[in-house]
């Protein structure tokens, strides 16, 4: 299970401030990589977009068919929802993550 603190160290770093600077937060967990970034053209439209995809490649080098997206409120509650969603994606796509760790994606290249 992915711990809440691993989804951005909110208490330590204030994820929203960090995202304002970096425009994205990335991480990985047992074969599953993830990207969290703010989307929207204004503060009023701001939301978080999260994406999960298998290792070994980064977001830009992973084919779109391997990615799963979710959109969440740009708030503390949205970060909590991302935490729950990431764990759900890990459980639902365990075969993908295991294949990634076993080198399955390398064979497809």
PDB file of N, CA and C in Angstrom:
ATOM      1  N   UNK A   1       0.835  -1.183   0.000  1.00  0.00           N
ATOM      2  CA  UNK A   1       0.000   0.000   0.000  1.00  0.00           C
ATOM      3  C   UNK A   1       0.880   1.247   0.000  1.00  0.00           C
ATOM      4  N   UNK A   2       0.515   2.214  -0.795  1.00  0.00           N
ATOM      5  CA  UNK A   2       1.221   3.485  -0.846  1.00  0.00           C
ATOM      6  C   UNK A   2       0.752   4.319   0.340  1.00  0.00           C
ATOM      7  N   UNK A   3       1.684   4.794   1.124  1.00  0.00           N
ATOM      8  CA  UNK A   3       1.349   5.625   2.280  1.00  0.00           C
ATOM      9  C   UNK A   3       1.013   7.039   1.820  1.00  0.00           C
ATOM     10  N   UNK A   4       0.145   7.706   2.520  1.00  0.00           N
ATOM     11  CA  UNK A   4      -0.284   9.066   2.177  1.00  0.00           C
ATOM     12  C   UNK A   4       0.910  10.000   2.053  1.00  0.00           C
ATOM     13  N   UNK A   5       1.860   9.887   2.954  1.00  0.00           N
ATOM     14  CA  UNK A   5       3.019  10.782   2.931  1.00  0.00           C
ATOM     15  C   UNK A   5       3.829  10.616   1.650  1.00  0.00           C
ATOM     16  N   UNK A   6       3.784   9.432   1.015  1.00  0.00           N
ATOM     17  CA  UNK A   6       4.531   9.209  -0.217  1.00  0.00           C
ATOM     18  C   UNK A   6       3.902   9.903  -1.416  1.00  0.00           C
ATOM     19  N   UNK A   7       2.693  10.378  -1.269  1.00  0.00           N
ATOM     20  CA  UNK A   7       2.012  11.039  -2.368  1.00  0.00           C
ATOM     21  C   UNK A   7       2.346  12.529  -2.393  1.00  0.00           C
ATOM     22  N   UNK A   8       3.424  12.925  -1.817  1.00  0.00           N
ATOM     23  CA  UNK A   8       3.836  14.312  -1.942  1.00  0.00           C
ATOM     24  C   UNK A   8       4.372  14.929  -0.681  1.00  0.00           C
ATOM     25  N   UNK A   9       4.449  14.187   0.389  1.00  0.00           N
ATOM     26  CA  UNK A   9       4.994  14.727   1.630  1.00  0.00           C
ATOM     27  C   UNK A   9       4.322  16.057   1.964  1.00  0.00           C
ATOM     28  N   UNK A  10       2.987  16.071   1.906  1.00  0.00           N
ATOM     29  CA  UNK A  10       2.206  17.293   2.056  1.00  0.00           C
ATOM     30  C   UNK A  10       2.573  18.085   3.303  1.00  0.00           C
ATOM     31  N   UNK A  11       2.686  17.421   4.434  1.00  0.00           N
ATOM     32  CA  UNK A  11       2.979  18.148   5.667  1.00  0.00           C
ATOM     33  C   UNK A  11       4.395  18.745   5.632  1.00  0.00           C
ATOM     34  N   UNK A  12       5.326  18.054   5.005  1.00  0.00           N
ATOM     35  CA  UNK A  12       6.706  18.522   5.005  1.00  0.00           C
ATOM     36  C   UNK A  12       6.990  19.576   3.939  1.00  0.00           C
ATOM     37  N   UNK A  13       6.429  19.400   2.745  1.00  0.00           N
ATOM     38  CA  UNK A  13       6.833  20.244   1.622  1.00  0.00           C
ATOM     39  C   UNK A  13       5.734  21.106   1.029  1.00  0.00           C
ATOM     40  N   UNK A  14       4.496  20.934   1.474  1.00  0.00           N
ATOM     41  CA  UNK A  14       3.361  21.646   0.892  1.00  0.00           C
ATOM     42  C   UNK A  14       3.320  21.405  -0.610  1.00  0.00           C
ATOM     43  N   UNK A  15       2.724  20.293  -0.985  1.00  0.00           N
ATOM     44  CA  UNK A  15       2.702  19.836  -2.379  1.00  0.00           C
ATOM     45  C   UNK A  15       2.225  20.912  -3.341  1.00  0.00           C
ATOM     46  N   UNK A  16       1.219  21.668  -2.970  1.00  0.00           N
ATOM     47  CA  UNK A  16       0.709  22.663  -3.913  1.00  0.00           C
ATOM     48  C   UNK A  16       1.759  23.718  -4.234  1.00  0.00           C
ATOM     49  N   UNK A  17       2.527  24.173  -3.244  1.00  0.00           N
ATOM     50  CA  UNK A  17       3.594  25.127  -3.527  1.00  0.00           C
ATOM     51  C   UNK A  17       4.652  24.484  -4.413  1.00  0.00           C
ATOM     52  N   UNK A  18       4.994  23.249  -4.105  1.00  0.00           N
ATOM     53  CA  UNK A  18       6.001  22.544  -4.895  1.00  0.00           C
ATOM     54  C   UNK A  18       5.522  22.387  -6.340  1.00  0.00           C
ATOM     55  N   UNK A  19       4.244  22.032  -6.522  1.00  0.00           N
ATOM     56  CA  UNK A  19       3.722  21.865  -7.867  1.00  0.00           C
ATOM     57  C   UNK A  19       3.668  23.192  -8.614  1.00  0.00           C
ATOM     58  N   UNK A  20       3.422  24.289  -7.908  1.00  0.00           N
ATOM     59  CA  UNK A  20       3.442  25.584  -8.577  1.00  0.00           C
ATOM     60  C   UNK A  20       4.814  25.843  -9.190  1.00  0.00           C
ATOM     61  N   UNK A  21       5.851  25.349  -8.559  1.00  0.00           N
ATOM     62  CA  UNK A  21       7.214  25.550  -9.048  1.00  0.00           C
ATOM     63  C   UNK A  21       7.577  24.501 -10.094  1.00  0.00           C
ATOM     64  N   UNK A  22       7.357  23.233  -9.779  1.00  0.00           N
ATOM     65  CA  UNK A  22       7.821  22.162 -10.654  1.00  0.00           C
ATOM     66  C   UNK A  22       6.780  21.753 -11.684  1.00  0.00           C
ATOM     67  N   UNK A  23       5.534  22.079 -11.439  1.00  0.00           N
ATOM     68  CA  UNK A  23       4.421  21.716 -12.303  1.00  0.00           C
ATOM     69  C   UNK A  23       4.131  20.219 -12.332  1.00  0.00           C
ATOM     70  N   UNK A  24       4.852  19.413 -11.529  1.00  0.00           N
ATOM     71  CA  UNK A  24       4.578  17.984 -11.488  1.00  0.00           C
ATOM     72  C   UNK A  24       5.278  17.328 -10.318  1.00  0.00           C
ATOM     73  N   UNK A  25       4.712  16.228  -9.887  1.00  0.00           N
ATOM     74  CA  UNK A  25       5.307  15.417  -8.842  1.00  0.00           C
ATOM     75  C   UNK A  25       5.282  13.981  -9.350  1.00  0.00           C
ATOM     76  N   UNK A  26       6.421  13.299  -9.291  1.00  0.00           N
ATOM     77  CA  UNK A  26       6.489  11.927  -9.776  1.00  0.00           C
ATOM     78  C   UNK A  26       6.965  10.994  -8.675  1.00  0.00           C
ATOM     79  N   UNK A  27       6.619   9.728  -8.824  1.00  0.00           N
ATOM     80  CA  UNK A  27       7.051   8.715  -7.873  1.00  0.00           C
ATOM     81  C   UNK A  27       6.819   7.338  -8.452  1.00  0.00           C
ATOM     82  N   UNK A  28       7.177   6.332  -7.679  1.00  0.00           N
ATOM     83  CA  UNK A  28       6.941   4.960  -8.120  1.00  0.00           C
ATOM     84  C   UNK A  28       6.737   4.067  -6.914  1.00  0.00           C
ATOM     85  N   UNK A  29       6.090   2.924  -7.174  1.00  0.00           N
ATOM     86  CA  UNK A  29       5.815   1.955  -6.133  1.00  0.00           C
ATOM     87  C   UNK A  29       5.703   0.579  -6.768  1.00  0.00           C
ATOM     88  N   UNK A  30       6.688  -0.273  -6.537  1.00  0.00           N
ATOM     89  CA  UNK A  30       6.655  -1.680  -6.950  1.00  0.00           C
ATOM     90  C   UNK A  30       6.215  -1.907  -8.388  1.00  0.00           C
ATOM     91  N   UNK A  31       6.838  -1.221  -9.314  1.00  0.00           N
ATOM     92  CA  UNK A  31       6.541  -1.405 -10.726  1.00  0.00           C
ATOM     93  C   UNK A  31       5.555  -0.405 -11.305  1.00  0.00           C
ATOM     94  N   UNK A  32       4.882   0.355 -10.443  1.00  0.00           N
ATOM     95  CA  UNK A  32       3.918   1.364 -10.884  1.00  0.00           C
ATOM     96  C   UNK A  32       4.544   2.747 -10.711  1.00  0.00           C
ATOM     97  N   UNK A  33       4.604   3.483 -11.790  1.00  0.00           N
ATOM     98  CA  UNK A  33       5.039   4.877 -11.716  1.00  0.00           C
ATOM     99  C   UNK A  33       3.804   5.765 -11.723  1.00  0.00           C
ATOM    100  N   UNK A  34       3.958   6.964 -11.148  1.00  0.00           N
ATOM    101  CA  UNK A  34       2.837   7.905 -11.164  1.00  0.00           C
ATOM    102  C   UNK A  34       3.331   9.323 -11.328  1.00  0.00           C
ATOM    103  N   UNK A  35       2.438  10.139 -11.874  1.00  0.00           N
ATOM    104  CA  UNK A  35       2.690  11.557 -12.098  1.00  0.00           C
ATOM    105  C   UNK A  35       1.470  12.300 -11.572  1.00  0.00           C
ATOM    106  N   UNK A  36       1.705  13.359 -10.813  1.00  0.00           N
ATOM    107  CA  UNK A  36       0.626  14.218 -10.311  1.00  0.00           C
ATOM    108  C   UNK A  36       0.990  15.633 -10.728  1.00  0.00           C
ATOM    109  N   UNK A  37       0.025  16.320 -11.350  1.00  0.00           N
ATOM    110  CA  UNK A  37       0.306  17.690 -11.777  1.00  0.00           C
ATOM    111  C   UNK A  37      -0.972  18.521 -11.738  1.00  0.00           C
ATOM    112  N   UNK A  38      -0.808  19.836 -11.557  1.00  0.00           N
ATOM    113  CA  UNK A  38      -1.988  20.703 -11.594  1.00  0.00           C
ATOM    114  C   UNK A  38      -2.378  20.967 -13.048  1.00  0.00           C
ATOM    115  N   UNK A  39      -3.668  21.073 -13.299  1.00  0.00           N
ATOM    116  CA  UNK A  39      -4.166  21.443 -14.626  1.00  0.00           C
ATOM    117  C   UNK A  39      -5.218  22.526 -14.450  1.00  0.00           C
ATOM    118  N   UNK A  40      -5.444  23.300 -15.494  1.00  0.00           N
ATOM    119  CA  UNK A  40      -6.412  24.395 -15.453  1.00  0.00           C
ATOM    120  C   UNK A  40      -5.738  25.710 -15.772  1.00  0.00           C
ATOM    121  N   UNK A  41      -6.501  26.639 -16.305  1.00  0.00           N
ATOM    122  CA  UNK A  41      -5.952  27.921 -16.728  1.00  0.00           C
ATOM    123  C   UNK A  41      -6.024  29.006 -15.667  1.00  0.00           C
ATOM    124  N   UNK A  42      -6.744  28.737 -14.576  1.00  0.00           N
ATOM    125  CA  UNK A  42      -6.862  29.731 -13.511  1.00  0.00           C
ATOM    126  C   UNK A  42      -7.001  29.006 -12.178  1.00  0.00           C
ATOM    127  N   UNK A  43      -6.876  29.782 -11.088  1.00  0.00           N
ATOM    128  CA  UNK A  43      -7.039  29.187  -9.759  1.00  0.00           C
ATOM    129  C   UNK A  43      -8.422  28.561  -9.606  1.00  0.00           C
ATOM    130  N   UNK A  44      -9.414  29.183 -10.178  1.00  0.00           N
ATOM    131  CA  UNK A  44     -10.781  28.685 -10.076  1.00  0.00           C
ATOM    132  C   UNK A  44     -10.961  27.362 -10.820  1.00  0.00           C
ATOM    133  N   UNK A  45     -10.222  27.162 -11.900  1.00  0.00           N
ATOM    134  CA  UNK A  45     -10.332  25.951 -12.714  1.00  0.00           C
ATOM    135  C   UNK A  45      -9.313  24.883 -12.309  1.00  0.00           C
ATOM    136  N   UNK A  46      -8.425  25.204 -11.374  1.00  0.00           N
ATOM    137  CA  UNK A  46      -7.328  24.293 -11.028  1.00  0.00           C
ATOM    138  C   UNK A  46      -7.843  22.963 -10.491  1.00  0.00           C
ATOM    139  N   UNK A  47      -7.234  21.878 -10.981  1.00  0.00           N
ATOM    140  CA  UNK A  47      -7.509  20.522 -10.521  1.00  0.00           C
ATOM    141  C   UNK A  47      -6.181  19.769 -10.573  1.00  0.00           C
ATOM    142  N   UNK A  48      -6.146  18.631  -9.892  1.00  0.00           N
ATOM    143  CA  UNK A  48      -4.998  17.746 -10.019  1.00  0.00           C
ATOM    144  C   UNK A  48      -5.310  16.686 -11.060  1.00  0.00           C
ATOM    145  N   UNK A  49      -4.354  16.396 -11.902  1.00  0.00           N
ATOM    146  CA  UNK A  49      -4.434  15.250 -12.782  1.00  0.00           C
ATOM    147  C   UNK A  49      -3.381  14.258 -12.307  1.00  0.00           C
ATOM    148  N   UNK A  50      -3.789  13.014 -12.163  1.00  0.00           N
ATOM    149  CA  UNK A  50      -2.859  11.956 -11.775  1.00  0.00           C
ATOM    150  C   UNK A  50      -2.846  10.909 -12.876  1.00  0.00           C
ATOM    151  N   UNK A  51      -1.700  10.299 -13.063  1.00  0.00           N
ATOM    152  CA  UNK A  51      -1.546   9.276 -14.091  1.00  0.00           C
ATOM    153  C   UNK A  51      -0.676   8.165 -13.523  1.00  0.00           C
ATOM    154  N   UNK A  52      -1.063   6.919 -13.783  1.00  0.00           N
ATOM    155  CA  UNK A  52      -0.220   5.774 -13.426  1.00  0.00           C
ATOM    156  C   UNK A  52       0.168   5.051 -14.702  1.00  0.00           C
ATOM    157  N   UNK A  53       1.365   4.462 -14.680  1.00  0.00           N
ATOM    158  CA  UNK A  53       1.882   3.748 -15.836  1.00  0.00           C
ATOM    159  C   UNK A  53       2.997   2.820 -15.361  1.00  0.00           C
ATOM    160  N   UNK A  54       3.279   1.755 -16.122  1.00  0.00           N
ATOM    161  CA  UNK A  54       4.285   0.794 -15.682  1.00  0.00           C
ATOM    162  C   UNK A  54       5.715   1.278 -15.909  1.00  0.00           C
ATOM    163  N   UNK A  55       6.611   0.799 -15.040  1.00  0.00           N
ATOM    164  CA  UNK A  55       8.036   1.017 -15.254  1.00  0.00           C
ATOM    165  C   UNK A  55       8.440   0.297 -16.531  1.00  0.00           C
ATOM    166  N   UNK A  56       9.554   0.544 -17.135  1.00  0.00           N
ATOM    167  CA  UNK A  56      10.696   1.279 -16.609  1.00  0.00           C
ATOM    168  C   UNK A  56      10.802   2.719 -17.102  1.00  0.00           C
ATOM    169  N   UNK A  57       9.961   3.127 -18.046  1.00  0.00           N
ATOM    170  CA  UNK A  57      10.135   4.430 -18.673  1.00  0.00           C
ATOM    171  C   UNK A  57       9.436   5.543 -17.907  1.00  0.00           C
ATOM    172  N   UNK A  58       9.863   6.789 -18.171  1.00  0.00           N
ATOM    173  CA  UNK A  58       9.192   7.925 -17.564  1.00  0.00           C
ATOM    174  C   UNK A  58       7.906   8.229 -18.336  1.00  0.00           C
ATOM    175  N   UNK A  59       7.166   9.205 -17.881  1.00  0.00           N
ATOM    176  CA  UNK A  59       5.872   9.552 -18.470  1.00  0.00           C
ATOM    177  C   UNK A  59       5.994   9.825 -19.969  1.00  0.00           C
ATOM    178  N   UNK A  60       6.960  10.642 -20.341  1.00  0.00           N
ATOM    179  CA  UNK A  60       7.107  11.050 -21.732  1.00  0.00           C
ATOM    180  C   UNK A  60       7.457   9.892 -22.653  1.00  0.00           C
ATOM    181  N   UNK A  61       8.096   8.859 -22.134  1.00  0.00           N
ATOM    182  CA  UNK A  61       8.538   7.738 -22.964  1.00  0.00           C
ATOM    183  C   UNK A  61       7.678   6.482 -22.802  1.00  0.00           C
ATOM    184  N   UNK A  62       6.526   6.623 -22.177  1.00  0.00           N
ATOM    185  CA  UNK A  62       5.585   5.508 -22.034  1.00  0.00           C
ATOM    186  C   UNK A  62       4.443   5.725 -23.014  1.00  0.00           C
ATOM    187  N   UNK A  63       4.084   4.690 -23.750  1.00  0.00           N
ATOM    188  CA  UNK A  63       3.000   4.818 -24.729  1.00  0.00           C
ATOM    189  C   UNK A  63       1.684   5.119 -24.011  1.00  0.00           C
ATOM    190  N   UNK A  64       0.851   5.891 -24.651  1.00  0.00           N
ATOM    191  CA  UNK A  64      -0.405   6.357 -24.054  1.00  0.00           C
ATOM    192  C   UNK A  64      -1.318   5.199 -23.637  1.00  0.00           C
ATOM    193  N   UNK A  65      -1.282   4.098 -24.372  1.00  0.00           N
ATOM    194  CA  UNK A  65      -2.137   2.950 -24.070  1.00  0.00           C
ATOM    195  C   UNK A  65      -1.832   2.327 -22.711  1.00  0.00           C
ATOM    196  N   UNK A  66      -0.647   2.573 -22.174  1.00  0.00           N
ATOM    197  CA  UNK A  66      -0.245   2.005 -20.885  1.00  0.00           C
ATOM    198  C   UNK A  66      -0.596   2.922 -19.708  1.00  0.00           C
ATOM    199  N   UNK A  67      -1.122   4.117 -19.989  1.00  0.00           N
ATOM    200  CA  UNK A  67      -1.394   5.114 -18.957  1.00  0.00           C
ATOM    201  C   UNK A  67      -2.869   5.103 -18.554  1.00  0.00           C
ATOM    202  N   UNK A  68      -3.106   5.333 -17.269  1.00  0.00           N
ATOM    203  CA  UNK A  68      -4.462   5.496 -16.739  1.00  0.00           C
ATOM    204  C   UNK A  68      -4.505   6.832 -15.997  1.00  0.00           C
ATOM    205  N   UNK A  69      -5.527   7.647 -16.271  1.00  0.00           N
ATOM    206  CA  UNK A  69      -5.635   8.991 -15.709  1.00  0.00           C
ATOM    207  C   UNK A  69      -6.806   9.129 -14.750  1.00  0.00           C
ATOM    208  N   UNK A  70      -6.658  10.058 -13.825  1.00  0.00           N
ATOM    209  CA  UNK A  70      -7.728  10.469 -12.937  1.00  0.00           C
ATOM    210  C   UNK A  70      -7.608  11.963 -12.693  1.00  0.00           C
ATOM    211  N   UNK A  71      -8.735  12.638 -12.456  1.00  0.00           N
ATOM    212  CA  UNK A  71      -8.740  14.074 -12.170  1.00  0.00           C
ATOM    213  C   UNK A  71      -9.383  14.287 -10.811  1.00  0.00           C
ATOM    214  N   UNK A  72      -8.795  15.195 -10.025  1.00  0.00           N
ATOM    215  CA  UNK A  72      -9.190  15.377  -8.630  1.00  0.00           C
ATOM    216  C   UNK A  72      -9.205  16.861  -8.267  1.00  0.00           C
ATOM    217  N   UNK A  73      -9.972  17.228  -7.229  1.00  0.00           N
ATOM    218  CA  UNK A  73      -9.990  18.626  -6.777  1.00  0.00           C
ATOM    219  C   UNK A  73      -8.595  19.093  -6.354  1.00  0.00           C
ATOM    220  N   UNK A  74      -8.333  20.346  -6.588  1.00  0.00           N
ATOM    221  CA  UNK A  74      -7.053  20.955  -6.215  1.00  0.00           C
ATOM    222  C   UNK A  74      -7.151  21.410  -4.762  1.00  0.00           C
ATOM    223  N   UNK A  75      -7.071  20.426  -3.852  1.00  0.00           N
ATOM    224  CA  UNK A  75      -7.269  20.694  -2.429  1.00  0.00           C
ATOM    225  C   UNK A  75      -6.670  19.554  -1.612  1.00  0.00           C
ATOM    226  N   UNK A  76      -6.689  19.723  -0.304  1.00  0.00           N
ATOM    227  CA  UNK A  76      -6.264  18.644   0.593  1.00  0.00           C
ATOM    228  C   UNK A  76      -7.104  17.400   0.345  1.00  0.00           C
ATOM    229  N   UNK A  77      -8.416  17.598   0.167  1.00  0.00           N
ATOM    230  CA  UNK A  77      -9.307  16.467  -0.094  1.00  0.00           C
ATOM    231  C   UNK A  77      -8.943  15.783  -1.409  1.00  0.00           C
ATOM    232  N   UNK A  78      -8.558  16.577  -2.396  1.00  0.00           N
ATOM    233  CA  UNK A  78      -8.129  16.014  -3.673  1.00  0.00           C
ATOM    234  C   UNK A  78      -6.884  15.158  -3.512  1.00  0.00           C
ATOM    235  N   UNK A  79      -5.955  15.605  -2.678  1.00  0.00           N
ATOM    236  CA  UNK A  79      -4.747  14.806  -2.418  1.00  0.00           C
ATOM    237  C   UNK A  79      -5.096  13.506  -1.706  1.00  0.00           C
ATOM    238  N   UNK A  80      -6.066  13.574  -0.794  1.00  0.00           N
ATOM    239  CA  UNK A  80      -6.528  12.342  -0.141  1.00  0.00           C
ATOM    240  C   UNK A  80      -7.154  11.396  -1.167  1.00  0.00           C
ATOM    241  N   UNK A  81      -7.926  11.964  -2.086  1.00  0.00           N
ATOM    242  CA  UNK A  81      -8.544  11.143  -3.129  1.00  0.00           C
ATOM    243  C   UNK A  81      -7.489  10.518  -4.038  1.00  0.00           C
ATOM    244  N   UNK A  82      -6.436  11.259  -4.346  1.00  0.00           N
ATOM    245  CA  UNK A  82      -5.342  10.716  -5.161  1.00  0.00           C
ATOM    246  C   UNK A  82      -4.700   9.543  -4.435  1.00  0.00           C
ATOM    247  N   UNK A  83      -4.475   9.687  -3.154  1.00  0.00           N
ATOM    248  CA  UNK A  83      -3.887   8.615  -2.351  1.00  0.00           C
ATOM    249  C   UNK A  83      -4.710   7.339  -2.469  1.00  0.00           C
ATOM    250  N   UNK A  84      -6.017   7.457  -2.302  1.00  0.00           N
ATOM    251  CA  UNK A  84      -6.914   6.301  -2.397  1.00  0.00           C
ATOM    252  C   UNK A  84      -6.873   5.738  -3.820  1.00  0.00           C
ATOM    253  N   UNK A  85      -6.914   6.606  -4.814  1.00  0.00           N
ATOM    254  CA  UNK A  85      -6.918   6.194  -6.218  1.00  0.00           C
ATOM    255  C   UNK A  85      -5.633   5.460  -6.593  1.00  0.00           C
ATOM    256  N   UNK A  86      -4.480   5.978  -6.144  1.00  0.00           N
ATOM    257  CA  UNK A  86      -3.212   5.311  -6.456  1.00  0.00           C
ATOM    258  C   UNK A  86      -3.197   3.891  -5.896  1.00  0.00           C
ATOM    259  N   UNK A  87      -3.665   3.715  -4.684  1.00  0.00           N
ATOM    260  CA  UNK A  87      -3.719   2.368  -4.104  1.00  0.00           C
ATOM    261  C   UNK A  87      -4.702   1.481  -4.861  1.00  0.00           C
ATOM    262  N   UNK A  88      -5.820   2.045  -5.287  1.00  0.00           N
ATOM    263  CA  UNK A  88      -6.797   1.286  -6.075  1.00  0.00           C
ATOM    264  C   UNK A  88      -6.178   0.861  -7.410  1.00  0.00           C
ATOM    265  N   UNK A  89      -5.485   1.773  -8.083  1.00  0.00           N
ATOM    266  CA  UNK A  89      -4.837   1.449  -9.354  1.00  0.00           C
ATOM    267  C   UNK A  89      -3.769   0.367  -9.163  1.00  0.00           C
ATOM    268  N   UNK A  90      -3.050   0.448  -8.044  1.00  0.00           N
ATOM    269  CA  UNK A  90      -2.035  -0.570  -7.779  1.00  0.00           C
ATOM    270  C   UNK A  90      -2.698  -1.943  -7.651  1.00  0.00           C
ATOM    271  N   UNK A  91      -3.783  -2.010  -6.922  1.00  0.00           N
ATOM    272  CA  UNK A  91      -4.483  -3.287  -6.733  1.00  0.00           C
ATOM    273  C   UNK A  91      -5.087  -3.795  -8.038  1.00  0.00           C
ATOM    274  N   UNK A  92      -5.737  -2.923  -8.792  1.00  0.00           N
ATOM    275  CA  UNK A  92      -6.430  -3.337 -10.016  1.00  0.00           C
ATOM    276  C   UNK A  92      -5.483  -3.762 -11.136  1.00  0.00           C
ATOM    277  N   UNK A  93      -4.290  -3.189 -11.174  1.00  0.00           N
ATOM    278  CA  UNK A  93      -3.375  -3.475 -12.286  1.00  0.00           C
ATOM    279  C   UNK A  93      -2.113  -4.202 -11.829  1.00  0.00           C
ATOM    280  N   UNK A  94      -2.235  -5.019 -10.808  1.00  0.00           N
ATOM    281  CA  UNK A  94      -1.060  -5.706 -10.263  1.00  0.00           C
ATOM    282  C   UNK A  94      -0.287  -6.492 -11.311  1.00  0.00           C
ATOM    283  N   UNK A  95      -0.979  -7.119 -12.255  1.00  0.00           N
ATOM    284  CA  UNK A  95      -0.282  -7.880 -13.294  1.00  0.00           C
ATOM    285  C   UNK A  95       0.628  -6.959 -14.111  1.00  0.00           C
ATOM    286  N   UNK A  96       0.143  -5.758 -14.454  1.00  0.00           N
ATOM    287  CA  UNK A  96       0.961  -4.797 -15.201  1.00  0.00           C
ATOM    288  C   UNK A  96       2.220  -4.429 -14.431  1.00  0.00           C
ATOM    289  N   UNK A  97       2.071  -4.186 -13.134  1.00  0.00           N
ATOM    290  CA  UNK A  97       3.210  -3.752 -12.321  1.00  0.00           C
ATOM    291  C   UNK A  97       4.200  -4.909 -12.151  1.00  0.00           C
ATOM    292  N   UNK A  98       3.693  -6.117 -11.969  1.00  0.00           N
ATOM    293  CA  UNK A  98       4.568  -7.282 -11.847  1.00  0.00           C
ATOM    294  C   UNK A  98       5.320  -7.521 -13.152  1.00  0.00           C
ATOM    295  N   UNK A  99       4.600  -7.433 -14.276  1.00  0.00           N
ATOM    296  CA  UNK A  99       5.247  -7.603 -15.576  1.00  0.00           C
ATOM    297  C   UNK A  99       6.340  -6.555 -15.782  1.00  0.00           C
ATOM    298  N   UNK A 100       6.073  -5.329 -15.350  1.00  0.00           N
ATOM    299  CA  UNK A 100       7.071  -4.261 -15.480  1.00  0.00           C
ATOM    300  C   UNK A 100       8.320  -4.596 -14.681  1.00  0.00           C
ATOM    301  N   UNK A 101       8.134  -5.072 -13.452  1.00  0.00           N
ATOM    302  CA  UNK A 101       9.281  -5.438 -12.621  1.00  0.00           C
ATOM    303  C   UNK A 101      10.040  -6.628 -13.182  1.00  0.00           C
ATOM    304  N   UNK A 102       9.303  -7.541 -13.823  1.00  0.00           N
ATOM    305  CA  UNK A 102       9.928  -8.732 -14.399  1.00  0.00           C
ATOM    306  C   UNK A 102      10.544  -8.465 -15.765  1.00  0.00           C
ATOM    307  N   UNK A 103      10.466  -7.230 -16.249  1.00  0.00           N
ATOM    308  CA  UNK A 103      11.064  -6.891 -17.535  1.00  0.00           C
ATOM    309  C   UNK A 103      10.127  -7.042 -18.709  1.00  0.00           C
ATOM    310  N   UNK A 104       8.835  -7.216 -18.451  1.00  0.00           N
ATOM    311  CA  UNK A 104       7.858  -7.407 -19.516  1.00  0.00           C
ATOM    312  C   UNK A 104       7.820  -6.280 -20.528  1.00  0.00           C
ATOM    313  N   UNK A 105       7.957  -5.043 -20.073  1.00  0.00           N
ATOM    314  CA  UNK A 105       7.917  -3.917 -21.003  1.00  0.00           C
ATOM    315  C   UNK A 105       9.163  -3.884 -21.875  1.00  0.00           C
ATOM    316  N   UNK A 106      10.268  -4.324 -21.348  1.00  0.00           N
ATOM    317  CA  UNK A 106      11.501  -4.301 -22.128  1.00  0.00           C
ATOM    318  C   UNK A 106      11.356  -5.210 -23.354  1.00  0.00           C
ATOM    319  N   UNK A 107      10.648  -6.309 -23.201  1.00  0.00           N
ATOM    320  CA  UNK A 107      10.475  -7.259 -24.302  1.00  0.00           C
ATOM    321  C   UNK A 107       9.600  -6.668 -25.410  1.00  0.00           C
ATOM    322  N   UNK A 108       8.711  -5.721 -25.057  1.00  0.00           N
ATOM    323  CA  UNK A 108       7.820  -5.121 -26.037  1.00  0.00           C
ATOM    324  C   UNK A 108       8.504  -4.095 -26.898  1.00  0.00           C
ATOM    325  N   UNK A 109       9.593  -3.582 -26.456  1.00  0.00           N
ATOM    326  CA  UNK A 109      10.279  -2.513 -27.156  1.00  0.00           C
ATOM    327  C   UNK A 109      10.919  -2.965 -28.412  1.00  0.00           C
TER     328      UNK A 109
END
